């Protein structure tokens, strides 16, 4: 089964009195949809920069997507839901290529 593109479609953050929940959406082609949930509790969010939290949560999704991407090893990952600076793109590109080295080697990719 070939799925040349893996998508990071977005996330939804729900703020709670003692933290927040995040729901990430990923897909491979049009056939496969994935939802990943994370809960951060025990955090007092009295005063916080919501836009900064969303930026960090969005970047965390770039790590979470690898668990699902490995099932397909798509040649391309598209992230229409998040804008990255050139420096961030370089960081994630290096992290993916070097961080997934054993996976690539083991699977002869």
PDB file of N, CA and C in Angstrom:
ATOM      1  N   UNK A   1       0.844  -1.172   0.000  1.00  0.00           N
ATOM      2  CA  UNK A   1       0.000   0.000   0.000  1.00  0.00           C
ATOM      3  C   UNK A   1       0.891   1.238   0.000  1.00  0.00           C
ATOM      4  N   UNK A   2       0.687   2.093  -0.973  1.00  0.00           N
ATOM      5  CA  UNK A   2       1.488   3.309  -1.071  1.00  0.00           C
ATOM      6  C   UNK A   2       0.632   4.519  -0.735  1.00  0.00           C
ATOM      7  N   UNK A   3       1.124   5.308   0.165  1.00  0.00           N
ATOM      8  CA  UNK A   3       0.504   6.591   0.475  1.00  0.00           C
ATOM      9  C   UNK A   3       1.631   7.619   0.436  1.00  0.00           C
ATOM     10  N   UNK A   4       1.785   8.297  -0.692  1.00  0.00           N
ATOM     11  CA  UNK A   4       2.936   9.180  -0.868  1.00  0.00           C
ATOM     12  C   UNK A   4       2.957  10.401   0.046  1.00  0.00           C
ATOM     13  N   UNK A   5       1.794  10.779   0.601  1.00  0.00           N
ATOM     14  CA  UNK A   5       1.745  11.971   1.447  1.00  0.00           C
ATOM     15  C   UNK A   5       1.051  11.645   2.771  1.00  0.00           C
ATOM     16  N   UNK A   6       1.677  12.085   3.856  1.00  0.00           N
ATOM     17  CA  UNK A   6       1.089  11.973   5.181  1.00  0.00           C
ATOM     18  C   UNK A   6       0.775  13.397   5.635  1.00  0.00           C
ATOM     19  N   UNK A   7      -0.419  13.615   6.177  1.00  0.00           N
ATOM     20  CA  UNK A   7      -0.865  14.965   6.533  1.00  0.00           C
ATOM     21  C   UNK A   7      -1.006  15.164   8.040  1.00  0.00           C
ATOM     22  N   UNK A   8      -0.539  16.308   8.463  1.00  0.00           N
ATOM     23  CA  UNK A   8      -0.811  16.805   9.815  1.00  0.00           C
ATOM     24  C   UNK A   8      -1.905  17.833   9.603  1.00  0.00           C
ATOM     25  N   UNK A   9      -3.151  17.447   9.900  1.00  0.00           N
ATOM     26  CA  UNK A   9      -4.309  18.266   9.546  1.00  0.00           C
ATOM     27  C   UNK A   9      -4.665  19.340  10.559  1.00  0.00           C
ATOM     28  N   UNK A  10      -4.225  19.180  11.797  1.00  0.00           N
ATOM     29  CA  UNK A  10      -4.547  20.212  12.771  1.00  0.00           C
ATOM     30  C   UNK A  10      -4.684  19.658  14.173  1.00  0.00           C
ATOM     31  N   UNK A  11      -5.114  20.531  15.060  1.00  0.00           N
ATOM     32  CA  UNK A  11      -5.312  20.146  16.456  1.00  0.00           C
ATOM     33  C   UNK A  11      -6.371  21.046  17.057  1.00  0.00           C
ATOM     34  N   UNK A  12      -6.941  20.552  18.144  1.00  0.00           N
ATOM     35  CA  UNK A  12      -7.945  21.310  18.896  1.00  0.00           C
ATOM     36  C   UNK A  12      -7.512  21.271  20.355  1.00  0.00           C
ATOM     37  N   UNK A  13      -7.412  22.426  20.969  1.00  0.00           N
ATOM     38  CA  UNK A  13      -7.029  22.515  22.368  1.00  0.00           C
ATOM     39  C   UNK A  13      -8.253  22.892  23.192  1.00  0.00           C
ATOM     40  N   UNK A  14      -8.494  22.145  24.253  1.00  0.00           N
ATOM     41  CA  UNK A  14      -9.575  22.443  25.177  1.00  0.00           C
ATOM     42  C   UNK A  14      -8.938  22.788  26.513  1.00  0.00           C
ATOM     43  N   UNK A  15      -9.189  24.001  26.988  1.00  0.00           N
ATOM     44  CA  UNK A  15      -8.606  24.452  28.248  1.00  0.00           C
ATOM     45  C   UNK A  15      -9.510  24.070  29.415  1.00  0.00           C
ATOM     46  N   UNK A  16      -8.875  23.546  30.451  1.00  0.00           N
ATOM     47  CA  UNK A  16      -9.567  23.075  31.649  1.00  0.00           C
ATOM     48  C   UNK A  16      -9.076  23.879  32.847  1.00  0.00           C
ATOM     49  N   UNK A  17      -9.764  23.824  33.987  1.00  0.00           N
ATOM     50  CA  UNK A  17      -9.318  24.563  35.177  1.00  0.00           C
ATOM     51  C   UNK A  17      -7.920  24.162  35.651  1.00  0.00           C
ATOM     52  N   UNK A  18      -7.538  22.886  35.431  1.00  0.00           N
ATOM     53  CA  UNK A  18      -6.234  22.438  35.924  1.00  0.00           C
ATOM     54  C   UNK A  18      -5.293  21.989  34.812  1.00  0.00           C
ATOM     55  N   UNK A  19      -5.501  22.478  33.588  1.00  0.00           N
ATOM     56  CA  UNK A  19      -4.623  22.115  32.480  1.00  0.00           C
ATOM     57  C   UNK A  19      -5.333  22.236  31.149  1.00  0.00           C
ATOM     58  N   UNK A  20      -5.026  21.335  30.233  1.00  0.00           N
ATOM     59  CA  UNK A  20      -5.678  21.353  28.932  1.00  0.00           C
ATOM     60  C   UNK A  20      -5.555  19.995  28.242  1.00  0.00           C
ATOM     61  N   UNK A  21      -6.445  19.792  27.269  1.00  0.00           N
ATOM     62  CA  UNK A  21      -6.442  18.584  26.443  1.00  0.00           C
ATOM     63  C   UNK A  21      -6.172  19.004  25.007  1.00  0.00           C
ATOM     64  N   UNK A  22      -5.484  18.134  24.278  1.00  0.00           N
ATOM     65  CA  UNK A  22      -5.211  18.401  22.872  1.00  0.00           C
ATOM     66  C   UNK A  22      -5.642  17.183  22.063  1.00  0.00           C
ATOM     67  N   UNK A  23      -6.291  17.455  20.950  1.00  0.00           N
ATOM     68  CA  UNK A  23      -6.683  16.404  20.008  1.00  0.00           C
ATOM     69  C   UNK A  23      -6.016  16.718  18.674  1.00  0.00           C
ATOM     70  N   UNK A  24      -5.113  15.856  18.247  1.00  0.00           N
ATOM     71  CA  UNK A  24      -4.399  16.030  16.976  1.00  0.00           C
ATOM     72  C   UNK A  24      -5.082  15.205  15.893  1.00  0.00           C
ATOM     73  N   UNK A  25      -5.113  15.740  14.670  1.00  0.00           N
ATOM     74  CA  UNK A  25      -5.685  15.015  13.531  1.00  0.00           C
ATOM     75  C   UNK A  25      -4.602  14.806  12.473  1.00  0.00           C
ATOM     76  N   UNK A  26      -4.443  13.547  12.071  1.00  0.00           N
ATOM     77  CA  UNK A  26      -3.490  13.166  11.035  1.00  0.00           C
ATOM     78  C   UNK A  26      -4.225  12.315  10.007  1.00  0.00           C
ATOM     79  N   UNK A  27      -3.678  12.234   8.801  1.00  0.00           N
ATOM     80  CA  UNK A  27      -4.260  11.336   7.797  1.00  0.00           C
ATOM     81  C   UNK A  27      -3.183  10.887   6.819  1.00  0.00           C
ATOM     82  N   UNK A  28      -3.452   9.731   6.239  1.00  0.00           N
ATOM     83  CA  UNK A  28      -2.600   9.176   5.185  1.00  0.00           C
ATOM     84  C   UNK A  28      -3.502   8.970   3.986  1.00  0.00           C
ATOM     85  N   UNK A  29      -3.255   9.748   2.958  1.00  0.00           N
ATOM     86  CA  UNK A  29      -4.160   9.704   1.816  1.00  0.00           C
ATOM     87  C   UNK A  29      -5.555  10.114   2.244  1.00  0.00           C
ATOM     88  N   UNK A  30      -6.554   9.550   1.582  1.00  0.00           N
ATOM     89  CA  UNK A  30      -7.938   9.843   1.964  1.00  0.00           C
ATOM     90  C   UNK A  30      -8.556   8.692   2.752  1.00  0.00           C
ATOM     91  N   UNK A  31      -7.857   7.567   2.802  1.00  0.00           N
ATOM     92  CA  UNK A  31      -8.406   6.375   3.454  1.00  0.00           C
ATOM     93  C   UNK A  31      -8.217   6.328   4.962  1.00  0.00           C
ATOM     94  N   UNK A  32      -7.122   6.851   5.462  1.00  0.00           N
ATOM     95  CA  UNK A  32      -6.753   6.648   6.854  1.00  0.00           C
ATOM     96  C   UNK A  32      -6.759   7.958   7.634  1.00  0.00           C
ATOM     97  N   UNK A  33      -7.548   7.997   8.681  1.00  0.00           N
ATOM     98  CA  UNK A  33      -7.654   9.164   9.555  1.00  0.00           C
ATOM     99  C   UNK A  33      -7.240   8.755  10.964  1.00  0.00           C
ATOM    100  N   UNK A  34      -6.487   9.602  11.627  1.00  0.00           N
ATOM    101  CA  UNK A  34      -6.023   9.295  12.981  1.00  0.00           C
ATOM    102  C   UNK A  34      -6.279  10.479  13.897  1.00  0.00           C
ATOM    103  N   UNK A  35      -6.682  10.190  15.119  1.00  0.00           N
ATOM    104  CA  UNK A  35      -6.851  11.219  16.141  1.00  0.00           C
ATOM    105  C   UNK A  35      -6.031  10.785  17.347  1.00  0.00           C
ATOM    106  N   UNK A  36      -5.193  11.672  17.813  1.00  0.00           N
ATOM    107  CA  UNK A  36      -4.325  11.394  18.964  1.00  0.00           C
ATOM    108  C   UNK A  36      -4.678  12.382  20.073  1.00  0.00           C
ATOM    109  N   UNK A  37      -4.877  11.874  21.293  1.00  0.00           N
ATOM    110  CA  UNK A  37      -5.265  12.711  22.435  1.00  0.00           C
ATOM    111  C   UNK A  37      -4.127  12.811  23.440  1.00  0.00           C
ATOM    112  N   UNK A  38      -3.912  14.012  23.944  1.00  0.00           N
ATOM    113  CA  UNK A  38      -2.977  14.254  25.046  1.00  0.00           C
ATOM    114  C   UNK A  38      -3.688  15.095  26.092  1.00  0.00           C
ATOM    115  N   UNK A  39      -3.418  14.811  27.360  1.00  0.00           N
ATOM    116  CA  UNK A  39      -3.974  15.613  28.443  1.00  0.00           C
ATOM    117  C   UNK A  39      -2.833  16.089  29.326  1.00  0.00           C
ATOM    118  N   UNK A  40      -2.812  17.372  29.587  1.00  0.00           N
ATOM    119  CA  UNK A  40      -1.845  17.974  30.493  1.00  0.00           C
ATOM    120  C   UNK A  40      -2.621  18.449  31.711  1.00  0.00           C
ATOM    121  N   UNK A  41      -2.400  17.810  32.861  1.00  0.00           N
ATOM    122  CA  UNK A  41      -3.159  18.180  34.050  1.00  0.00           C
ATOM    123  C   UNK A  41      -2.208  18.623  35.166  1.00  0.00           C
ATOM    124  N   UNK A  42      -2.788  19.223  36.185  1.00  0.00           N
ATOM    125  CA  UNK A  42      -1.982  19.716  37.296  1.00  0.00           C
ATOM    126  C   UNK A  42      -1.261  21.003  36.960  1.00  0.00           C
ATOM    127  N   UNK A  43      -1.777  21.711  35.962  1.00  0.00           N
ATOM    128  CA  UNK A  43      -1.164  22.967  35.530  1.00  0.00           C
ATOM    129  C   UNK A  43      -2.143  24.092  35.835  1.00  0.00           C
ATOM    130  N   UNK A  44      -1.693  25.075  36.560  1.00  0.00           N
ATOM    131  CA  UNK A  44      -2.543  26.220  36.856  1.00  0.00           C
ATOM    132  C   UNK A  44      -2.335  27.272  35.772  1.00  0.00           C
ATOM    133  N   UNK A  45      -3.350  27.444  34.949  1.00  0.00           N
ATOM    134  CA  UNK A  45      -3.257  28.376  33.830  1.00  0.00           C
ATOM    135  C   UNK A  45      -3.934  29.698  34.174  1.00  0.00           C
ATOM    136  N   UNK A  46      -3.480  30.320  35.244  1.00  0.00           N
ATOM    137  CA  UNK A  46      -4.074  31.588  35.674  1.00  0.00           C
ATOM    138  C   UNK A  46      -3.727  32.674  34.672  1.00  0.00           C
ATOM    139  N   UNK A  47      -2.461  32.883  34.453  1.00  0.00           N
ATOM    140  CA  UNK A  47      -2.001  33.862  33.468  1.00  0.00           C
ATOM    141  C   UNK A  47      -1.049  33.150  32.522  1.00  0.00           C
ATOM    142  N   UNK A  48      -1.417  33.112  31.249  1.00  0.00           N
ATOM    143  CA  UNK A  48      -0.561  32.480  30.266  1.00  0.00           C
ATOM    144  C   UNK A  48      -0.828  33.089  28.899  1.00  0.00           C
ATOM    145  N   UNK A  49       0.134  32.949  28.031  1.00  0.00           N
ATOM    146  CA  UNK A  49       0.034  33.456  26.679  1.00  0.00           C
ATOM    147  C   UNK A  49      -0.548  32.339  25.814  1.00  0.00           C
ATOM    148  N   UNK A  50      -1.842  32.403  25.557  1.00  0.00           N
ATOM    149  CA  UNK A  50      -2.524  31.342  24.831  1.00  0.00           C
ATOM    150  C   UNK A  50      -1.921  31.127  23.444  1.00  0.00           C
ATOM    151  N   UNK A  51      -1.511  32.177  22.757  1.00  0.00           N
ATOM    152  CA  UNK A  51      -0.931  32.001  21.425  1.00  0.00           C
ATOM    153  C   UNK A  51       0.393  31.244  21.500  1.00  0.00           C
ATOM    154  N   UNK A  52       1.154  31.474  22.565  1.00  0.00           N
ATOM    155  CA  UNK A  52       2.429  30.747  22.742  1.00  0.00           C
ATOM    156  C   UNK A  52       2.160  29.276  23.049  1.00  0.00           C
ATOM    157  N   UNK A  53       1.160  29.011  23.882  1.00  0.00           N
ATOM    158  CA  UNK A  53       0.794  27.624  24.190  1.00  0.00           C
ATOM    159  C   UNK A  53       0.373  26.925  22.893  1.00  0.00           C
ATOM    160  N   UNK A  54      -0.445  27.568  22.080  1.00  0.00           N
ATOM    161  CA  UNK A  54      -0.904  26.969  20.825  1.00  0.00           C
ATOM    162  C   UNK A  54       0.272  26.703  19.887  1.00  0.00           C
ATOM    163  N   UNK A  55       1.223  27.616  19.852  1.00  0.00           N
ATOM    164  CA  UNK A  55       2.407  27.427  19.007  1.00  0.00           C
ATOM    165  C   UNK A  55       3.194  26.190  19.463  1.00  0.00           C
ATOM    166  N   UNK A  56       3.383  26.057  20.767  1.00  0.00           N
ATOM    167  CA  UNK A  56       4.114  24.905  21.304  1.00  0.00           C
ATOM    168  C   UNK A  56       3.338  23.604  21.110  1.00  0.00           C
ATOM    169  N   UNK A  57       2.027  23.643  21.316  1.00  0.00           N
ATOM    170  CA  UNK A  57       1.181  22.469  21.131  1.00  0.00           C
ATOM    171  C   UNK A  57       1.232  22.033  19.657  1.00  0.00           C
ATOM    172  N   UNK A  58       1.202  22.991  18.759  1.00  0.00           N
ATOM    173  CA  UNK A  58       1.286  22.678  17.326  1.00  0.00           C
ATOM    174  C   UNK A  58       2.599  21.996  16.975  1.00  0.00           C
ATOM    175  N   UNK A  59       3.696  22.483  17.550  1.00  0.00           N
ATOM    176  CA  UNK A  59       5.004  21.865  17.289  1.00  0.00           C
ATOM    177  C   UNK A  59       5.090  20.475  17.912  1.00  0.00           C
ATOM    178  N   UNK A  60       4.471  20.283  19.069  1.00  0.00           N
ATOM    179  CA  UNK A  60       4.454  18.959  19.691  1.00  0.00           C
ATOM    180  C   UNK A  60       3.763  17.945  18.776  1.00  0.00           C
ATOM    181  N   UNK A  61       2.780  18.408  18.035  1.00  0.00           N
ATOM    182  CA  UNK A  61       2.110  17.534  17.073  1.00  0.00           C
ATOM    183  C   UNK A  61       3.051  16.995  16.012  1.00  0.00           C
ATOM    184  N   UNK A  62       4.099  17.747  15.703  1.00  0.00           N
ATOM    185  CA  UNK A  62       5.088  17.275  14.731  1.00  0.00           C
ATOM    186  C   UNK A  62       5.860  16.069  15.254  1.00  0.00           C
ATOM    187  N   UNK A  63       5.954  15.951  16.573  1.00  0.00           N
ATOM    188  CA  UNK A  63       6.575  14.773  17.175  1.00  0.00           C
ATOM    189  C   UNK A  63       5.563  13.628  17.198  1.00  0.00           C
ATOM    190  N   UNK A  64       4.345  13.936  17.609  1.00  0.00           N
ATOM    191  CA  UNK A  64       3.308  12.908  17.728  1.00  0.00           C
ATOM    192  C   UNK A  64       3.012  12.231  16.389  1.00  0.00           C
ATOM    193  N   UNK A  65       3.094  12.975  15.294  1.00  0.00           N
ATOM    194  CA  UNK A  65       2.738  12.398  14.002  1.00  0.00           C
ATOM    195  C   UNK A  65       3.650  11.252  13.596  1.00  0.00           C
ATOM    196  N   UNK A  66       4.875  11.228  14.098  1.00  0.00           N
ATOM    197  CA  UNK A  66       5.805  10.163  13.706  1.00  0.00           C
ATOM    198  C   UNK A  66       5.290   8.773  14.053  1.00  0.00           C
ATOM    199  N   UNK A  67       4.582   8.646  15.157  1.00  0.00           N
ATOM    200  CA  UNK A  67       4.043   7.341  15.550  1.00  0.00           C
ATOM    201  C   UNK A  67       3.101   6.787  14.488  1.00  0.00           C
ATOM    202  N   UNK A  68       2.337   7.647  13.844  1.00  0.00           N
ATOM    203  CA  UNK A  68       1.382   7.234  12.832  1.00  0.00           C
ATOM    204  C   UNK A  68       2.048   7.156  11.458  1.00  0.00           C
ATOM    205  N   UNK A  69       2.929   8.087  11.172  1.00  0.00           N
ATOM    206  CA  UNK A  69       3.636   8.120   9.887  1.00  0.00           C
ATOM    207  C   UNK A  69       4.412   6.822   9.648  1.00  0.00           C
ATOM    208  N   UNK A  70       4.992   6.236  10.716  1.00  0.00           N
ATOM    209  CA  UNK A  70       5.814   5.031  10.573  1.00  0.00           C
ATOM    210  C   UNK A  70       5.050   3.870   9.944  1.00  0.00           C
ATOM    211  N   UNK A  71       3.753   3.853  10.056  1.00  0.00           N
ATOM    212  CA  UNK A  71       2.954   2.785   9.458  1.00  0.00           C
ATOM    213  C   UNK A  71       2.923   2.884   7.936  1.00  0.00           C
ATOM    214  N   UNK A  72       3.247   4.062   7.396  1.00  0.00           N
ATOM    215  CA  UNK A  72       3.153   4.302   5.957  1.00  0.00           C
ATOM    216  C   UNK A  72       4.490   4.669   5.324  1.00  0.00           C
ATOM    217  N   UNK A  73       5.364   5.308   6.086  1.00  0.00           N
ATOM    218  CA  UNK A  73       6.652   5.796   5.578  1.00  0.00           C
ATOM    219  C   UNK A  73       6.465   6.610   4.297  1.00  0.00           C
ATOM    220  N   UNK A  74       5.467   7.477   4.312  1.00  0.00           N
ATOM    221  CA  UNK A  74       5.216   8.342   3.154  1.00  0.00           C
ATOM    222  C   UNK A  74       6.453   9.175   2.859  1.00  0.00           C
ATOM    223  N   UNK A  75       6.679   9.426   1.586  1.00  0.00           N
ATOM    224  CA  UNK A  75       7.858  10.194   1.189  1.00  0.00           C
ATOM    225  C   UNK A  75       7.739  11.666   1.554  1.00  0.00           C
ATOM    226  N   UNK A  76       6.521  12.119   1.753  1.00  0.00           N
ATOM    227  CA  UNK A  76       6.317  13.540   2.039  1.00  0.00           C
ATOM    228  C   UNK A  76       5.354  13.700   3.205  1.00  0.00           C
ATOM    229  N   UNK A  77       5.634  14.673   4.047  1.00  0.00           N
ATOM    230  CA  UNK A  77       4.739  15.044   5.148  1.00  0.00           C
ATOM    231  C   UNK A  77       4.291  16.473   4.875  1.00  0.00           C
ATOM    232  N   UNK A  78       2.989  16.686   4.849  1.00  0.00           N
ATOM    233  CA  UNK A  78       2.454  18.032   4.640  1.00  0.00           C
ATOM    234  C   UNK A  78       1.799  18.511   5.927  1.00  0.00           C
ATOM    235  N   UNK A  79       2.033  19.771   6.227  1.00  0.00           N
ATOM    236  CA  UNK A  79       1.542  20.368   7.471  1.00  0.00           C
ATOM    237  C   UNK A  79       0.755  21.648   7.177  1.00  0.00           C
ATOM    238  N   UNK A  80      -0.402  21.534   6.522  1.00  0.00           N
ATOM    239  CA  UNK A  80      -1.146  22.741   6.170  1.00  0.00           C
ATOM    240  C   UNK A  80      -1.671  23.523   7.376  1.00  0.00           C
ATOM    241  N   UNK A  81      -1.672  22.903   8.542  1.00  0.00           N
ATOM    242  CA  UNK A  81      -2.248  23.527   9.734  1.00  0.00           C
ATOM    243  C   UNK A  81      -1.246  24.387  10.500  1.00  0.00           C
ATOM    244  N   UNK A  82       0.011  24.314  10.154  1.00  0.00           N
ATOM    245  CA  UNK A  82       1.013  25.023  10.950  1.00  0.00           C
ATOM    246  C   UNK A  82       2.021  25.698  10.027  1.00  0.00           C
ATOM    247  N   UNK A  83       2.323  26.940  10.345  1.00  0.00           N
ATOM    248  CA  UNK A  83       3.345  27.674   9.588  1.00  0.00           C
ATOM    249  C   UNK A  83       4.663  27.557  10.330  1.00  0.00           C
ATOM    250  N   UNK A  84       5.690  27.231   9.576  1.00  0.00           N
ATOM    251  CA  UNK A  84       7.014  27.091  10.167  1.00  0.00           C
ATOM    252  C   UNK A  84       7.970  28.095   9.530  1.00  0.00           C
ATOM    253  N   UNK A  85       8.850  28.627  10.344  1.00  0.00           N
ATOM    254  CA  UNK A  85       9.883  29.515   9.823  1.00  0.00           C
ATOM    255  C   UNK A  85      10.927  28.656   9.107  1.00  0.00           C
ATOM    256  N   UNK A  86      11.766  29.253   8.287  1.00  0.00           N
ATOM    257  CA  UNK A  86      12.833  28.471   7.656  1.00  0.00           C
ATOM    258  C   UNK A  86      13.721  27.752   8.689  1.00  0.00           C
ATOM    259  N   UNK A  87      14.005  28.390   9.802  1.00  0.00           N
ATOM    260  CA  UNK A  87      14.830  27.759  10.837  1.00  0.00           C
ATOM    261  C   UNK A  87      14.110  26.557  11.456  1.00  0.00           C
ATOM    262  N   UNK A  88      12.802  26.672  11.662  1.00  0.00           N
ATOM    263  CA  UNK A  88      12.031  25.553  12.206  1.00  0.00           C
ATOM    264  C   UNK A  88      11.971  24.398  11.209  1.00  0.00           C
ATOM    265  N   UNK A  89      11.805  24.718   9.942  1.00  0.00           N
ATOM    266  CA  UNK A  89      11.789  23.677   8.907  1.00  0.00           C
ATOM    267  C   UNK A  89      13.123  22.932   8.909  1.00  0.00           C
ATOM    268  N   UNK A  90      14.204  23.664   8.990  1.00  0.00           N
ATOM    269  CA  UNK A  90      15.533  23.041   9.028  1.00  0.00           C
ATOM    270  C   UNK A  90      15.673  22.150  10.265  1.00  0.00           C
ATOM    271  N   UNK A  91      15.223  22.643  11.423  1.00  0.00           N
ATOM    272  CA  UNK A  91      15.284  21.868  12.659  1.00  0.00           C
ATOM    273  C   UNK A  91      14.516  20.555  12.514  1.00  0.00           C
ATOM    274  N   UNK A  92      13.258  20.638  12.075  1.00  0.00           N
ATOM    275  CA  UNK A  92      12.420  19.437  11.978  1.00  0.00           C
ATOM    276  C   UNK A  92      12.946  18.480  10.913  1.00  0.00           C
ATOM    277  N   UNK A  93      13.447  19.015   9.822  1.00  0.00           N
ATOM    278  CA  UNK A  93      14.015  18.163   8.775  1.00  0.00           C
ATOM    279  C   UNK A  93      15.189  17.356   9.327  1.00  0.00           C
ATOM    280  N   UNK A  94      16.088  18.027  10.032  1.00  0.00           N
ATOM    281  CA  UNK A  94      17.235  17.338  10.643  1.00  0.00           C
ATOM    282  C   UNK A  94      16.767  16.322  11.686  1.00  0.00           C
ATOM    283  N   UNK A  95      15.839  16.725  12.531  1.00  0.00           N
ATOM    284  CA  UNK A  95      15.354  15.833  13.577  1.00  0.00           C
ATOM    285  C   UNK A  95      14.721  14.580  12.986  1.00  0.00           C
ATOM    286  N   UNK A  96      13.897  14.758  11.956  1.00  0.00           N
ATOM    287  CA  UNK A  96      13.253  13.606  11.339  1.00  0.00           C
ATOM    288  C   UNK A  96      14.282  12.684  10.693  1.00  0.00           C
ATOM    289  N   UNK A  97      15.184  13.248   9.905  1.00  0.00           N
ATOM    290  CA  UNK A  97      16.144  12.415   9.190  1.00  0.00           C
ATOM    291  C   UNK A  97      17.135  11.732  10.126  1.00  0.00           C
ATOM    292  N   UNK A  98      17.688  12.468  11.048  1.00  0.00           N
ATOM    293  CA  UNK A  98      18.675  11.889  11.957  1.00  0.00           C
ATOM    294  C   UNK A  98      18.004  11.107  13.085  1.00  0.00           C
ATOM    295  N   UNK A  99      16.892  11.595  13.576  1.00  0.00           N
ATOM    296  CA  UNK A  99      16.194  10.920  14.664  1.00  0.00           C
ATOM    297  C   UNK A  99      15.540   9.621  14.239  1.00  0.00           C
ATOM    298  N   UNK A 100      15.227   9.506  12.971  1.00  0.00           N
ATOM    299  CA  UNK A 100      14.593   8.289  12.462  1.00  0.00           C
ATOM    300  C   UNK A 100      15.600   7.392  11.755  1.00  0.00           C
ATOM    301  N   UNK A 101      16.882   7.636  11.945  1.00  0.00           N
ATOM    302  CA  UNK A 101      17.926   6.878  11.264  1.00  0.00           C
ATOM    303  C   UNK A 101      17.814   5.380  11.439  1.00  0.00           C
ATOM    304  N   UNK A 102      17.605   4.922  12.671  1.00  0.00           N
ATOM    305  CA  UNK A 102      17.492   3.480  12.916  1.00  0.00           C
ATOM    306  C   UNK A 102      16.266   2.912  12.198  1.00  0.00           C
ATOM    307  N   UNK A 103      15.168   3.644  12.246  1.00  0.00           N
ATOM    308  CA  UNK A 103      13.949   3.195  11.555  1.00  0.00           C
ATOM    309  C   UNK A 103      14.206   3.060  10.051  1.00  0.00           C
ATOM    310  N   UNK A 104      14.855   4.079   9.450  1.00  0.00           N
ATOM    311  CA  UNK A 104      15.170   4.033   8.024  1.00  0.00           C
ATOM    312  C   UNK A 104      16.077   2.854   7.715  1.00  0.00           C
ATOM    313  N   UNK A 105      17.094   2.645   8.529  1.00  0.00           N
ATOM    314  CA  UNK A 105      18.045   1.567   8.308  1.00  0.00           C
ATOM    315  C   UNK A 105      17.373   0.205   8.440  1.00  0.00           C
ATOM    316  N   UNK A 106      16.644   0.010   9.513  1.00  0.00           N
ATOM    317  CA  UNK A 106      15.982  -1.270   9.770  1.00  0.00           C
ATOM    318  C   UNK A 106      14.989  -1.615   8.664  1.00  0.00           C
ATOM    319  N   UNK A 107      14.301  -0.604   8.156  1.00  0.00           N
ATOM    320  CA  UNK A 107      13.275  -0.837   7.133  1.00  0.00           C
ATOM    321  C   UNK A 107      13.804  -0.611   5.721  1.00  0.00           C
ATOM    322  N   UNK A 108      15.097  -0.426   5.586  1.00  0.00           N
ATOM    323  CA  UNK A 108      15.772  -0.242   4.288  1.00  0.00           C
ATOM    324  C   UNK A 108      15.106   0.858   3.456  1.00  0.00           C
ATOM    325  N   UNK A 109      14.892   1.990   4.108  1.00  0.00           N
ATOM    326  CA  UNK A 109      14.285   3.126   3.426  1.00  0.00           C
ATOM    327  C   UNK A 109      15.391   4.075   2.983  1.00  0.00           C
TER     328      UNK A 109
END
